[in-house]
PDB file of all heavy atoms in Angstrom:
ATOM      1  N   ILE A   1     110.478  56.692 181.404  1.00  0.00           N
ATOM      2  CA  ILE A   1     109.870  57.909 180.854  1.00  0.00           C
ATOM      3  C   ILE A   1     108.411  57.664 180.487  1.00  0.00           C
ATOM      4  O   ILE A   1     107.519  58.469 180.818  1.00  0.00           O
ATOM      5  CB  ILE A   1     110.672  58.393 179.629  1.00  0.00           C
ATOM      6  CG1 ILE A   1     112.012  58.992 180.083  1.00  0.00           C
ATOM      7  CG2 ILE A   1     109.878  59.423 178.832  1.00  0.00           C
ATOM      8  CD1 ILE A   1     112.936  59.347 178.941  1.00  0.00           C
ATOM      9  N   MET A   2     108.128  56.557 179.814  1.00  0.00           N
ATOM     10  CA  MET A   2     106.749  56.293 179.407  1.00  0.00           C
ATOM     11  C   MET A   2     105.858  55.994 180.605  1.00  0.00           C
ATOM     12  O   MET A   2     104.696  56.432 180.651  1.00  0.00           O
ATOM     13  CB  MET A   2     106.725  55.141 178.394  1.00  0.00           C
ATOM     14  CG  MET A   2     107.350  55.509 177.051  1.00  0.00           C
ATOM     15  SD  MET A   2     107.116  54.284 175.731  1.00  0.00           S
ATOM     16  CE  MET A   2     108.085  52.893 176.354  1.00  0.00           C
ATOM     17  N   ARG A   3     106.380  55.269 181.580  1.00  0.00           N
ATOM     18  CA  ARG A   3     105.579  54.965 182.773  1.00  0.00           C
ATOM     19  C   ARG A   3     105.289  56.229 183.570  1.00  0.00           C
ATOM     20  O   ARG A   3     104.156  56.438 184.027  1.00  0.00           O
ATOM     21  CB  ARG A   3     106.294  53.933 183.638  1.00  0.00           C
ATOM     22  CG  ARG A   3     106.271  52.516 183.067  1.00  0.00           C
ATOM     23  CD  ARG A   3     107.199  51.591 183.849  1.00  0.00           C
ATOM     24  NE  ARG A   3     106.741  51.411 185.218  1.00  0.00           N
ATOM     25  CZ  ARG A   3     105.943  50.434 185.625  1.00  0.00           C
ATOM     26  NH1 ARG A   3     105.483  49.543 184.755  1.00  0.00           N
ATOM     27  NH2 ARG A   3     105.586  50.332 186.894  1.00  0.00           N
ATOM     28  N   LEU A   4     106.296  57.072 183.763  1.00  0.00           N
ATOM     29  CA  LEU A   4     106.085  58.312 184.507  1.00  0.00           C
ATOM     30  C   LEU A   4     105.136  59.249 183.766  1.00  0.00           C
ATOM     31  O   LEU A   4     104.275  59.892 184.385  1.00  0.00           O
ATOM     32  CB  LEU A   4     107.429  59.009 184.750  1.00  0.00           C
ATOM     33  CG  LEU A   4     108.240  58.548 185.958  1.00  0.00           C
ATOM     34  CD1 LEU A   4     109.557  59.306 186.030  1.00  0.00           C
ATOM     35  CD2 LEU A   4     107.459  58.748 187.250  1.00  0.00           C
ATOM     36  N   THR A   5     105.284  59.329 182.457  1.00  0.00           N
ATOM     37  CA  THR A   5     104.402  60.184 181.672  1.00  0.00           C
ATOM     38  C   THR A   5     102.958  59.718 181.780  1.00  0.00           C
ATOM     39  O   THR A   5     102.034  60.531 181.966  1.00  0.00           O
ATOM     40  CB  THR A   5     104.843  60.187 180.197  1.00  0.00           C
ATOM     41  OG1 THR A   5     106.195  60.663 180.102  1.00  0.00           O
ATOM     42  CG2 THR A   5     103.944  61.078 179.361  1.00  0.00           C
ATOM     43  N   ALA A   6     102.741  58.414 181.668  1.00  0.00           N
ATOM     44  CA  ALA A   6     101.382  57.872 181.783  1.00  0.00           C
ATOM     45  C   ALA A   6     100.814  58.133 183.172  1.00  0.00           C
ATOM     46  O   ALA A   6      99.635  58.494 183.317  1.00  0.00           O
ATOM     47  CB  ALA A   6     101.404  56.374 181.492  1.00  0.00           C
ATOM     48  N   GLN A   7     101.644  57.989 184.195  1.00  0.00           N
ATOM     49  CA  GLN A   7     101.172  58.171 185.562  1.00  0.00           C
ATOM     50  C   GLN A   7     100.848  59.633 185.849  1.00  0.00           C
ATOM     51  O   GLN A   7      99.776  59.938 186.404  1.00  0.00           O
ATOM     52  CB  GLN A   7     102.244  57.681 186.541  1.00  0.00           C
ATOM     53  CG  GLN A   7     101.856  57.833 188.003  1.00  0.00           C
ATOM     54  CD  GLN A   7     102.978  57.404 188.939  1.00  0.00           C
ATOM     55  OE1 GLN A   7     104.074  57.106 188.505  1.00  0.00           O
ATOM     56  NE2 GLN A   7     102.687  57.392 190.231  1.00  0.00           N
ATOM     57  N   ARG A   8     101.745  60.537 185.483  1.00  0.00           N
ATOM     58  CA  ARG A   8     101.554  61.953 185.822  1.00  0.00           C
ATOM     59  C   ARG A   8     100.442  62.587 184.996  1.00  0.00           C
ATOM     60  O   ARG A   8      99.742  63.482 185.482  1.00  0.00           O
ATOM     61  CB  ARG A   8     102.849  62.740 185.606  1.00  0.00           C
ATOM     62  CG  ARG A   8     104.049  62.246 186.399  1.00  0.00           C
ATOM     63  CD  ARG A   8     103.753  62.102 187.866  1.00  0.00           C
ATOM     64  NE  ARG A   8     104.925  61.655 188.605  1.00  0.00           N
ATOM     65  CZ  ARG A   8     104.891  61.075 189.796  1.00  0.00           C
ATOM     66  NH1 ARG A   8     103.721  60.867 190.375  1.00  0.00           N
ATOM     67  NH2 ARG A   8     106.003  60.711 190.408  1.00  0.00           N
ATOM     68  N   ARG A   9     100.275  62.141 183.757  1.00  0.00           N
ATOM     69  CA  ARG A   9      99.248  62.725 182.895  1.00  0.00           C
ATOM     70  C   ARG A   9      97.963  61.897 182.878  1.00  0.00           C
ATOM     71  O   ARG A   9      97.038  62.201 182.135  1.00  0.00           O
ATOM     72  CB  ARG A   9      99.789  62.886 181.471  1.00  0.00           C
ATOM     73  CG  ARG A   9     100.844  63.986 181.365  1.00  0.00           C
ATOM     74  CD  ARG A   9     101.135  64.353 179.936  1.00  0.00           C
ATOM     75  NE  ARG A   9     102.037  65.488 179.880  1.00  0.00           N
ATOM     76  CZ  ARG A   9     103.101  65.589 179.087  1.00  0.00           C
ATOM     77  NH1 ARG A   9     103.383  64.587 178.267  1.00  0.00           N
ATOM     78  NH2 ARG A   9     103.861  66.655 179.100  1.00  0.00           N
ATOM     79  N   LYS A  10      97.958  60.817 183.686  1.00  0.00           N
ATOM     80  CA  LYS A  10      96.779  59.959 183.782  1.00  0.00           C
ATOM     81  C   LYS A  10      96.344  59.452 182.400  1.00  0.00           C
ATOM     82  O   LYS A  10      95.193  59.626 181.969  1.00  0.00           O
ATOM     83  CB  LYS A  10      95.629  60.696 184.482  1.00  0.00           C
ATOM     84  CG  LYS A  10      95.945  61.143 185.896  1.00  0.00           C
ATOM     85  CD  LYS A  10      94.751  61.759 186.548  1.00  0.00           C
ATOM     86  CE  LYS A  10      94.992  62.281 187.944  1.00  0.00           C
ATOM     87  NZ  LYS A  10      96.118  61.829 188.691  1.00  0.00           N
ATOM     88  N   ARG A  11      97.277  58.822 181.721  1.00  0.00           N
ATOM     89  CA  ARG A  11      97.026  58.286 180.397  1.00  0.00           C
ATOM     90  C   ARG A  11      97.311  56.789 180.383  1.00  0.00           C
ATOM     91  O   ARG A  11      97.945  56.246 181.288  1.00  0.00           O
ATOM     92  CB  ARG A  11      97.905  58.979 179.346  1.00  0.00           C
ATOM     93  CG  ARG A  11      97.725  60.485 179.248  1.00  0.00           C
ATOM     94  CD  ARG A  11      96.328  60.861 178.766  1.00  0.00           C
ATOM     95  NE  ARG A  11      96.249  62.266 178.397  1.00  0.00           N
ATOM     96  CZ  ARG A  11      95.805  63.225 179.200  1.00  0.00           C
ATOM     97  NH1 ARG A  11      95.432  62.925 180.433  1.00  0.00           N
ATOM     98  NH2 ARG A  11      95.741  64.471 178.783  1.00  0.00           N
ATOM     99  N   ASP A  12      96.850  56.113 179.339  1.00  0.00           N
ATOM    100  CA  ASP A  12      97.136  54.694 179.168  1.00  0.00           C
ATOM    101  C   ASP A  12      98.597  54.497 178.779  1.00  0.00           C
ATOM    102  O   ASP A  12      99.183  55.325 178.057  1.00  0.00           O
ATOM    103  CB  ASP A  12      96.247  54.100 178.076  1.00  0.00           C
ATOM    104  CG  ASP A  12      94.804  53.996 178.516  1.00  0.00           C
ATOM    105  OD1 ASP A  12      94.556  53.458 179.602  1.00  0.00           O
ATOM    106  OD2 ASP A  12      93.927  54.479 177.767  1.00  0.00           O
ATOM    107  N   LEU A  13      99.164  53.388 179.224  1.00  0.00           N
ATOM    108  CA  LEU A  13     100.507  53.019 178.798  1.00  0.00           C
ATOM    109  C   LEU A  13     100.497  52.612 177.322  1.00  0.00           C
ATOM    110  O   LEU A  13      99.446  52.267 176.782  1.00  0.00           O
ATOM    111  CB  LEU A  13     101.024  51.856 179.641  1.00  0.00           C
ATOM    112  CG  LEU A  13     101.507  52.178 181.060  1.00  0.00           C
ATOM    113  CD1 LEU A  13     101.721  50.881 181.842  1.00  0.00           C
ATOM    114  CD2 LEU A  13     102.796  52.987 181.032  1.00  0.00           C
ATOM    115  N   PRO A  14     101.651  52.650 176.658  1.00  0.00           N
ATOM    116  CA  PRO A  14     101.693  52.169 175.276  1.00  0.00           C
ATOM    117  C   PRO A  14     101.302  50.694 175.197  1.00  0.00           C
ATOM    118  O   PRO A  14     101.348  49.959 176.199  1.00  0.00           O
ATOM    119  CB  PRO A  14     103.163  52.371 174.875  1.00  0.00           C
ATOM    120  CG  PRO A  14     103.734  53.309 175.870  1.00  0.00           C
ATOM    121  CD  PRO A  14     102.962  53.118 177.134  1.00  0.00           C
ATOM    122  N   THR A  15     100.947  50.259 174.011  1.00  0.00           N
ATOM    123  CA  THR A  15     100.605  48.858 173.805  1.00  0.00           C
ATOM    124  C   THR A  15     101.847  47.986 173.951  1.00  0.00           C
ATOM    125  O   THR A  15     102.984  48.465 173.893  1.00  0.00           O
ATOM    126  CB  THR A  15     100.006  48.657 172.415  1.00  0.00           C
ATOM    127  OG1 THR A  15     100.984  49.043 171.431  1.00  0.00           O
ATOM    128  CG2 THR A  15      98.755  49.514 172.232  1.00  0.00           C
ATOM    129  N   GLY A  16     101.619  46.688 174.122  1.00  0.00           N
ATOM    130  CA  GLY A  16     102.743  45.768 174.266  1.00  0.00           C
ATOM    131  C   GLY A  16     103.660  45.768 173.062  1.00  0.00           C
ATOM    132  O   GLY A  16     104.887  45.669 173.196  1.00  0.00           O
ATOM    133  N   SER A  17     103.081  45.895 171.862  1.00  0.00           N
ATOM    134  CA  SER A  17     103.901  45.904 170.652  1.00  0.00           C
ATOM    135  C   SER A  17     104.798  47.133 170.604  1.00  0.00           C
ATOM    136  O   SER A  17     105.911  47.086 170.068  1.00  0.00           O
ATOM    137  CB  SER A  17     103.004  45.854 169.408  1.00  0.00           C
ATOM    138  OG  SER A  17     102.097  46.943 169.385  1.00  0.00           O
ATOM    139  N   TRP A  18     104.336  48.254 171.162  1.00  0.00           N
ATOM    140  CA  TRP A  18     105.155  49.474 171.221  1.00  0.00           C
ATOM    141  C   TRP A  18     106.379  49.237 172.096  1.00  0.00           C
ATOM    142  O   TRP A  18     107.503  49.588 171.725  1.00  0.00           O
ATOM    143  CB  TRP A  18     104.299  50.612 171.768  1.00  0.00           C
ATOM    144  CG  TRP A  18     104.830  52.002 171.531  1.00  0.00           C
ATOM    145  CD1 TRP A  18     105.693  52.700 172.310  1.00  0.00           C
ATOM    146  CD2 TRP A  18     104.517  52.860 170.438  1.00  0.00           C
ATOM    147  NE1 TRP A  18     105.931  53.944 171.793  1.00  0.00           N
ATOM    148  CE2 TRP A  18     105.220  54.066 170.636  1.00  0.00           C
ATOM    149  CE3 TRP A  18     103.709  52.729 169.303  1.00  0.00           C
ATOM    150  CZ2 TRP A  18     105.143  55.138 169.741  1.00  0.00           C
ATOM    151  CZ3 TRP A  18     103.624  53.796 168.430  1.00  0.00           C
ATOM    152  CH2 TRP A  18     104.338  54.975 168.641  1.00  0.00           C
ATOM    153  N   TRP A  19     106.161  48.635 173.267  1.00  0.00           N
ATOM    154  CA  TRP A  19     107.269  48.290 174.165  1.00  0.00           C
ATOM    155  C   TRP A  19     108.234  47.330 173.481  1.00  0.00           C
ATOM    156  O   TRP A  19     109.458  47.504 173.559  1.00  0.00           O
ATOM    157  CB  TRP A  19     106.735  47.646 175.439  1.00  0.00           C
ATOM    158  CG  TRP A  19     106.041  48.559 176.383  1.00  0.00           C
ATOM    159  CD1 TRP A  19     104.714  48.871 176.384  1.00  0.00           C
ATOM    160  CD2 TRP A  19     106.617  49.273 177.480  1.00  0.00           C
ATOM    161  NE1 TRP A  19     104.428  49.732 177.413  1.00  0.00           N
ATOM    162  CE2 TRP A  19     105.571  49.987 178.104  1.00  0.00           C
ATOM    163  CE3 TRP A  19     107.911  49.356 178.006  1.00  0.00           C
ATOM    164  CZ2 TRP A  19     105.776  50.800 179.226  1.00  0.00           C
ATOM    165  CZ3 TRP A  19     108.114  50.163 179.122  1.00  0.00           C
ATOM    166  CH2 TRP A  19     107.075  50.878 179.721  1.00  0.00           C
ATOM    167  N   ALA A  20     107.686  46.312 172.829  1.00  0.00           N
ATOM    168  CA  ALA A  20     108.538  45.297 172.202  1.00  0.00           C
ATOM    169  C   ALA A  20     109.389  45.892 171.086  1.00  0.00           C
ATOM    170  O   ALA A  20     110.568  45.546 170.939  1.00  0.00           O
ATOM    171  CB  ALA A  20     107.669  44.162 171.659  1.00  0.00           C
ATOM    172  N   LEU A  21     108.812  46.787 170.302  1.00  0.00           N
ATOM    173  CA  LEU A  21     109.562  47.396 169.209  1.00  0.00           C
ATOM    174  C   LEU A  21     110.714  48.243 169.742  1.00  0.00           C
ATOM    175  O   LEU A  21     111.838  48.189 169.218  1.00  0.00           O
ATOM    176  CB  LEU A  21     108.627  48.242 168.350  1.00  0.00           C
ATOM    177  CG  LEU A  21     109.264  48.955 167.157  1.00  0.00           C
ATOM    178  CD1 LEU A  21     109.963  47.960 166.235  1.00  0.00           C
ATOM    179  CD2 LEU A  21     108.217  49.762 166.390  1.00  0.00           C
ATOM    180  N   ILE A  22     110.454  49.018 170.778  1.00  0.00           N
ATOM    181  CA  ILE A  22     111.512  49.845 171.371  1.00  0.00           C
ATOM    182  C   ILE A  22     112.622  48.967 171.931  1.00  0.00           C
ATOM    183  O   ILE A  22     113.817  49.224 171.705  1.00  0.00           O
ATOM    184  CB  ILE A  22     110.925  50.761 172.462  1.00  0.00           C
ATOM    185  CG1 ILE A  22     110.054  51.845 171.823  1.00  0.00           C
ATOM    186  CG2 ILE A  22     112.035  51.391 173.309  1.00  0.00           C
ATOM    187  CD1 ILE A  22     109.340  52.734 172.812  1.00  0.00           C
ATOM    188  N   ALA A  23     112.265  47.912 172.656  1.00  0.00           N
ATOM    189  CA  ALA A  23     113.275  47.019 173.235  1.00  0.00           C
ATOM    190  C   ALA A  23     114.079  46.329 172.139  1.00  0.00           C
ATOM    191  O   ALA A  23     115.302  46.161 172.253  1.00  0.00           O
ATOM    192  CB  ALA A  23     112.606  45.982 174.142  1.00  0.00           C
ATOM    193  N   LEU A  24     113.408  45.918 171.060  1.00  0.00           N
ATOM    194  CA  LEU A  24     114.097  45.260 169.946  1.00  0.00           C
ATOM    195  C   LEU A  24     115.089  46.213 169.275  1.00  0.00           C
ATOM    196  O   LEU A  24     116.226  45.828 168.963  1.00  0.00           O
ATOM    197  CB  LEU A  24     113.075  44.749 168.934  1.00  0.00           C
ATOM    198  CG  LEU A  24     113.651  44.080 167.671  1.00  0.00           C
ATOM    199  CD1 LEU A  24     114.445  42.831 168.040  1.00  0.00           C
ATOM    200  CD2 LEU A  24     112.522  43.737 166.696  1.00  0.00           C
ATOM    201  N   LEU A  25     114.671  47.446 169.057  1.00  0.00           N
ATOM    202  CA  LEU A  25     115.546  48.425 168.410  1.00  0.00           C
ATOM    203  C   LEU A  25     116.793  48.686 169.256  1.00  0.00           C
ATOM    204  O   LEU A  25     117.921  48.738 168.735  1.00  0.00           O
ATOM    205  CB  LEU A  25     114.785  49.728 168.171  1.00  0.00           C
ATOM    206  CG  LEU A  25     113.745  49.709 167.046  1.00  0.00           C
ATOM    207  CD1 LEU A  25     112.889  50.970 167.080  1.00  0.00           C
ATOM    208  CD2 LEU A  25     114.430  49.575 165.687  1.00  0.00           C
ATOM    209  N   PHE A  26     116.606  48.845 170.548  1.00  0.00           N
ATOM    210  CA  PHE A  26     117.757  49.074 171.428  1.00  0.00           C
ATOM    211  C   PHE A  26     118.673  47.848 171.473  1.00  0.00           C
ATOM    212  O   PHE A  26     119.901  47.982 171.484  1.00  0.00           O
ATOM    213  CB  PHE A  26     117.298  49.423 172.842  1.00  0.00           C
ATOM    214  CG  PHE A  26     116.950  50.871 173.031  1.00  0.00           C
ATOM    215  CD1 PHE A  26     115.716  51.250 173.537  1.00  0.00           C
ATOM    216  CD2 PHE A  26     117.864  51.866 172.726  1.00  0.00           C
ATOM    217  CE1 PHE A  26     115.393  52.589 173.731  1.00  0.00           C
ATOM    218  CE2 PHE A  26     117.555  53.205 172.909  1.00  0.00           C
ATOM    219  CZ  PHE A  26     116.313  53.567 173.407  1.00  0.00           C
ATOM    220  N   SER A  27     118.089  46.671 171.489  1.00  0.00           N
ATOM    221  CA  SER A  27     118.897  45.445 171.550  1.00  0.00           C
ATOM    222  C   SER A  27     119.728  45.279 170.288  1.00  0.00           C
ATOM    223  O   SER A  27     120.925  44.960 170.350  1.00  0.00           O
ATOM    224  CB  SER A  27     117.987  44.236 171.762  1.00  0.00           C
ATOM    225  OG  SER A  27     117.298  44.320 172.998  1.00  0.00           O
ATOM    226  N   LEU A  28     119.108  45.496 169.124  1.00  0.00           N
ATOM    227  CA  LEU A  28     119.847  45.404 167.868  1.00  0.00           C
ATOM    228  C   LEU A  28     120.927  46.478 167.798  1.00  0.00           C
ATOM    229  O   LEU A  28     122.036  46.227 167.305  1.00  0.00           O
ATOM    230  CB  LEU A  28     118.889  45.531 166.690  1.00  0.00           C
ATOM    231  CG  LEU A  28     117.896  44.377 166.503  1.00  0.00           C
ATOM    232  CD1 LEU A  28     116.922  44.694 165.365  1.00  0.00           C
ATOM    233  CD2 LEU A  28     118.631  43.075 166.217  1.00  0.00           C
ATOM    234  N   ALA A  29     120.611  47.675 168.276  1.00  0.00           N
ATOM    235  CA  ALA A  29     121.593  48.753 168.266  1.00  0.00           C
ATOM    236  C   ALA A  29     122.768  48.431 169.177  1.00  0.00           C
ATOM    237  O   ALA A  29     123.931  48.713 168.829  1.00  0.00           O
ATOM    238  CB  ALA A  29     120.926  50.059 168.705  1.00  0.00           C
ATOM    239  N   ALA A  30     122.495  47.826 170.340  1.00  0.00           N
ATOM    240  CA  ALA A  30     123.572  47.483 171.276  1.00  0.00           C
ATOM    241  C   ALA A  30     124.531  46.472 170.656  1.00  0.00           C
ATOM    242  O   ALA A  30     125.763  46.633 170.729  1.00  0.00           O
ATOM    243  CB  ALA A  30     122.971  46.930 172.569  1.00  0.00           C
ATOM    244  N   VAL A  31     123.983  45.425 170.048  1.00  0.00           N
ATOM    245  CA  VAL A  31     124.828  44.407 169.425  1.00  0.00           C
ATOM    246  C   VAL A  31     125.609  45.006 168.252  1.00  0.00           C
ATOM    247  O   VAL A  31     126.819  44.755 168.095  1.00  0.00           O
ATOM    248  CB  VAL A  31     123.966  43.217 168.953  1.00  0.00           C
ATOM    249  CG1 VAL A  31     124.813  42.224 168.172  1.00  0.00           C
ATOM    250  CG2 VAL A  31     123.321  42.529 170.151  1.00  0.00           C
ATOM    251  N   SER A  32     124.926  45.801 167.432  1.00  0.00           N
ATOM    252  CA  SER A  32     125.579  46.386 166.259  1.00  0.00           C
ATOM    253  C   SER A  32     126.720  47.307 166.661  1.00  0.00           C
ATOM    254  O   SER A  32     127.753  47.364 165.974  1.00  0.00           O
ATOM    255  CB  SER A  32     124.554  47.172 165.425  1.00  0.00           C
ATOM    256  OG  SER A  32     123.524  46.324 164.976  1.00  0.00           O
ATOM    257  N   ARG A  33     126.575  48.028 167.757  1.00  0.00           N
ATOM    258  CA  ARG A  33     127.637  48.947 168.170  1.00  0.00           C
ATOM    259  C   ARG A  33     128.792  48.214 168.840  1.00  0.00           C
ATOM    260  O   ARG A  33     129.964  48.639 168.729  1.00  0.00           O
ATOM    261  CB  ARG A  33     127.072  49.998 169.136  1.00  0.00           C
ATOM    262  CG  ARG A  33     128.100  51.051 169.580  1.00  0.00           C
ATOM    263  CD  ARG A  33     128.691  51.753 168.389  1.00  0.00           C
ATOM    264  NE  ARG A  33     129.811  52.600 168.745  1.00  0.00           N
ATOM    265  CZ  ARG A  33     131.071  52.206 168.854  1.00  0.00           C
ATOM    266  NH1 ARG A  33     131.372  50.925 168.647  1.00  0.00           N
ATOM    267  NH2 ARG A  33     132.034  53.039 169.161  1.00  0.00           N
ATOM    268  N   ALA A  34     128.517  47.111 169.517  1.00  0.00           N
ATOM    269  CA  ALA A  34     129.586  46.395 170.218  1.00  0.00           C
ATOM    270  C   ALA A  34     130.426  45.543 169.276  1.00  0.00           C
ATOM    271  O   ALA A  34     131.630  45.361 169.504  1.00  0.00           O
ATOM    272  CB  ALA A  34     128.992  45.521 171.324  1.00  0.00           C
ATOM    273  N   LEU A  35     129.814  45.013 168.219  1.00  0.00           N
ATOM    274  CA  LEU A  35     130.526  44.081 167.334  1.00  0.00           C
ATOM    275  C   LEU A  35     131.799  44.655 166.709  1.00  0.00           C
ATOM    276  O   LEU A  35     132.833  43.974 166.696  1.00  0.00           O
ATOM    277  CB  LEU A  35     129.582  43.592 166.238  1.00  0.00           C
ATOM    278  CG  LEU A  35     128.553  42.532 166.649  1.00  0.00           C
ATOM    279  CD1 LEU A  35     127.643  42.183 165.480  1.00  0.00           C
ATOM    280  CD2 LEU A  35     129.249  41.278 167.169  1.00  0.00           C
ATOM    281  N   PRO A  36     131.796  45.888 166.180  1.00  0.00           N
ATOM    282  CA  PRO A  36     133.035  46.390 165.564  1.00  0.00           C
ATOM    283  C   PRO A  36     134.214  46.468 166.528  1.00  0.00           C
ATOM    284  O   PRO A  36     135.369  46.274 166.115  1.00  0.00           O
ATOM    285  CB  PRO A  36     132.631  47.789 165.081  1.00  0.00           C
ATOM    286  CG  PRO A  36     131.160  47.720 164.905  1.00  0.00           C
ATOM    287  CD  PRO A  36     130.675  46.813 165.995  1.00  0.00           C
ATOM    288  N   ASP A  37     133.946  46.726 167.811  1.00  0.00           N
ATOM    289  CA  ASP A  37     135.026  46.812 168.782  1.00  0.00           C
ATOM    290  C   ASP A  37     135.469  45.444 169.290  1.00  0.00           C
ATOM    291  O   ASP A  37     136.572  45.306 169.811  1.00  0.00           O
ATOM    292  CB  ASP A  37     134.593  47.680 169.972  1.00  0.00           C
ATOM    293  CG  ASP A  37     134.385  49.127 169.571  1.00  0.00           C
ATOM    294  OD1 ASP A  37     134.959  49.535 168.551  1.00  0.00           O
ATOM    295  OD2 ASP A  37     133.642  49.838 170.267  1.00  0.00           O
ATOM    296  N   LEU A  38     134.615  44.450 169.125  1.00  0.00           N
ATOM    297  CA  LEU A  38     134.979  43.095 169.537  1.00  0.00           C
ATOM    298  C   LEU A  38     135.729  42.355 168.434  1.00  0.00           C
ATOM    299  O   LEU A  38     136.599  41.526 168.710  1.00  0.00           O
ATOM    300  CB  LEU A  38     133.725  42.311 169.928  1.00  0.00           C
ATOM    301  CG  LEU A  38     133.056  42.699 171.247  1.00  0.00           C
ATOM    302  CD1 LEU A  38     131.747  41.943 171.425  1.00  0.00           C
ATOM    303  CD2 LEU A  38     133.986  42.426 172.434  1.00  0.00           C
ATOM    304  N   PHE A  39     135.380  42.643 167.192  1.00  0.00           N
ATOM    305  CA  PHE A  39     136.016  41.986 166.047  1.00  0.00           C
ATOM    306  C   PHE A  39     136.763  43.048 165.236  1.00  0.00           C
ATOM    307  O   PHE A  39     136.226  43.613 164.277  1.00  0.00           O
ATOM    308  CB  PHE A  39     134.965  41.270 165.202  1.00  0.00           C
ATOM    309  CG  PHE A  39     134.220  40.204 165.947  1.00  0.00           C
ATOM    310  CD1 PHE A  39     132.992  40.483 166.523  1.00  0.00           C
ATOM    311  CD2 PHE A  39     134.759  38.935 166.102  1.00  0.00           C
ATOM    312  CE1 PHE A  39     132.302  39.502 167.230  1.00  0.00           C
ATOM    313  CE2 PHE A  39     134.083  37.953 166.801  1.00  0.00           C
ATOM    314  CZ  PHE A  39     132.856  38.230 167.371  1.00  0.00           C
ATOM    315  N   LEU A  40     137.986  43.303 165.657  1.00  0.00           N
ATOM    316  CA  LEU A  40     138.763  44.394 165.077  1.00  0.00           C
ATOM    317  C   LEU A  40     139.171  44.133 163.638  1.00  0.00           C
ATOM    318  O   LEU A  40     139.574  45.071 162.940  1.00  0.00           O
ATOM    319  CB  LEU A  40     140.004  44.644 165.941  1.00  0.00           C
ATOM    320  CG  LEU A  40     139.726  45.037 167.395  1.00  0.00           C
ATOM    321  CD1 LEU A  40     141.025  45.218 168.153  1.00  0.00           C
ATOM    322  CD2 LEU A  40     138.885  46.314 167.466  1.00  0.00           C
ATOM    323  N   LEU A  41     139.094  42.881 163.185  1.00  0.00           N
ATOM    324  CA  LEU A  41     139.494  42.552 161.820  1.00  0.00           C
ATOM    325  C   LEU A  41     138.378  42.762 160.805  1.00  0.00           C
ATOM    326  O   LEU A  41     138.571  42.519 159.614  1.00  0.00           O
ATOM    327  CB  LEU A  41     139.994  41.109 161.747  1.00  0.00           C
ATOM    328  CG  LEU A  41     141.261  40.802 162.567  1.00  0.00           C
ATOM    329  CD1 LEU A  41     141.649  39.338 162.413  1.00  0.00           C
ATOM    330  CD2 LEU A  41     142.412  41.718 162.145  1.00  0.00           C
ATOM    331  N   LEU A  42     137.203  43.204 161.271  1.00  0.00           N
ATOM    332  CA  LEU A  42     136.117  43.476 160.326  1.00  0.00           C
ATOM    333  C   LEU A  42     136.550  44.567 159.346  1.00  0.00           C
ATOM    334  O   LEU A  42     137.202  45.543 159.733  1.00  0.00           O
ATOM    335  CB  LEU A  42     134.876  43.959 161.080  1.00  0.00           C
ATOM    336  CG  LEU A  42     134.010  42.906 161.766  1.00  0.00           C
ATOM    337  CD1 LEU A  42     132.907  43.593 162.567  1.00  0.00           C
ATOM    338  CD2 LEU A  42     133.392  41.967 160.746  1.00  0.00           C
ATOM    339  N   PRO A  43     136.216  44.411 158.065  1.00  0.00           N
ATOM    340  CA  PRO A  43     136.562  45.466 157.094  1.00  0.00           C
ATOM    341  C   PRO A  43     135.865  46.777 157.441  1.00  0.00           C
ATOM    342  O   PRO A  43     134.795  46.786 158.066  1.00  0.00           O
ATOM    343  CB  PRO A  43     136.068  44.900 155.767  1.00  0.00           C
ATOM    344  CG  PRO A  43     135.068  43.862 156.125  1.00  0.00           C
ATOM    345  CD  PRO A  43     135.495  43.292 157.440  1.00  0.00           C
ATOM    346  N   TRP A  44     136.485  47.877 157.030  1.00  0.00           N
ATOM    347  CA  TRP A  44     135.964  49.190 157.391  1.00  0.00           C
ATOM    348  C   TRP A  44     134.536  49.394 156.882  1.00  0.00           C
ATOM    349  O   TRP A  44     133.709  50.024 157.564  1.00  0.00           O
ATOM    350  CB  TRP A  44     136.875  50.278 156.832  1.00  0.00           C
ATOM    351  CG  TRP A  44     136.419  51.654 157.175  1.00  0.00           C
ATOM    352  CD1 TRP A  44     135.900  52.587 156.334  1.00  0.00           C
ATOM    353  CD2 TRP A  44     136.393  52.242 158.489  1.00  0.00           C
ATOM    354  NE1 TRP A  44     135.570  53.725 157.017  1.00  0.00           N
ATOM    355  CE2 TRP A  44     135.855  53.545 158.354  1.00  0.00           C
ATOM    356  CE3 TRP A  44     136.774  51.797 159.743  1.00  0.00           C
ATOM    357  CZ2 TRP A  44     135.706  54.400 159.426  1.00  0.00           C
ATOM    358  CZ3 TRP A  44     136.617  52.646 160.832  1.00  0.00           C
ATOM    359  CH2 TRP A  44     136.089  53.923 160.670  1.00  0.00           C
ATOM    360  N   SER A  45     134.225  48.856 155.718  1.00  0.00           N
ATOM    361  CA  SER A  45     132.862  49.012 155.189  1.00  0.00           C
ATOM    362  C   SER A  45     131.826  48.356 156.094  1.00  0.00           C
ATOM    363  O   SER A  45     130.760  48.925 156.349  1.00  0.00           O
ATOM    364  CB  SER A  45     132.784  48.416 153.786  1.00  0.00           C
ATOM    365  OG  SER A  45     133.145  47.038 153.796  1.00  0.00           O
ATOM    366  N   ALA A  46     132.153  47.153 156.588  1.00  0.00           N
ATOM    367  CA  ALA A  46     131.231  46.460 157.492  1.00  0.00           C
ATOM    368  C   ALA A  46     131.083  47.213 158.811  1.00  0.00           C
ATOM    369  O   ALA A  46     129.979  47.315 159.368  1.00  0.00           O
ATOM    370  CB  ALA A  46     131.719  45.032 157.745  1.00  0.00           C
TER     371      ALA A  46
END
């Protein structure tokens, strides 16, 4: 989405830190969502 938007609107791509933050957020979210289904004995609060 960001690459196509930059290309079609002739704009600069986001900075490297912007890319890194988005990738980090998705990676943490992926692990956080998978863990409860992998470890069924986790308490409900966790």
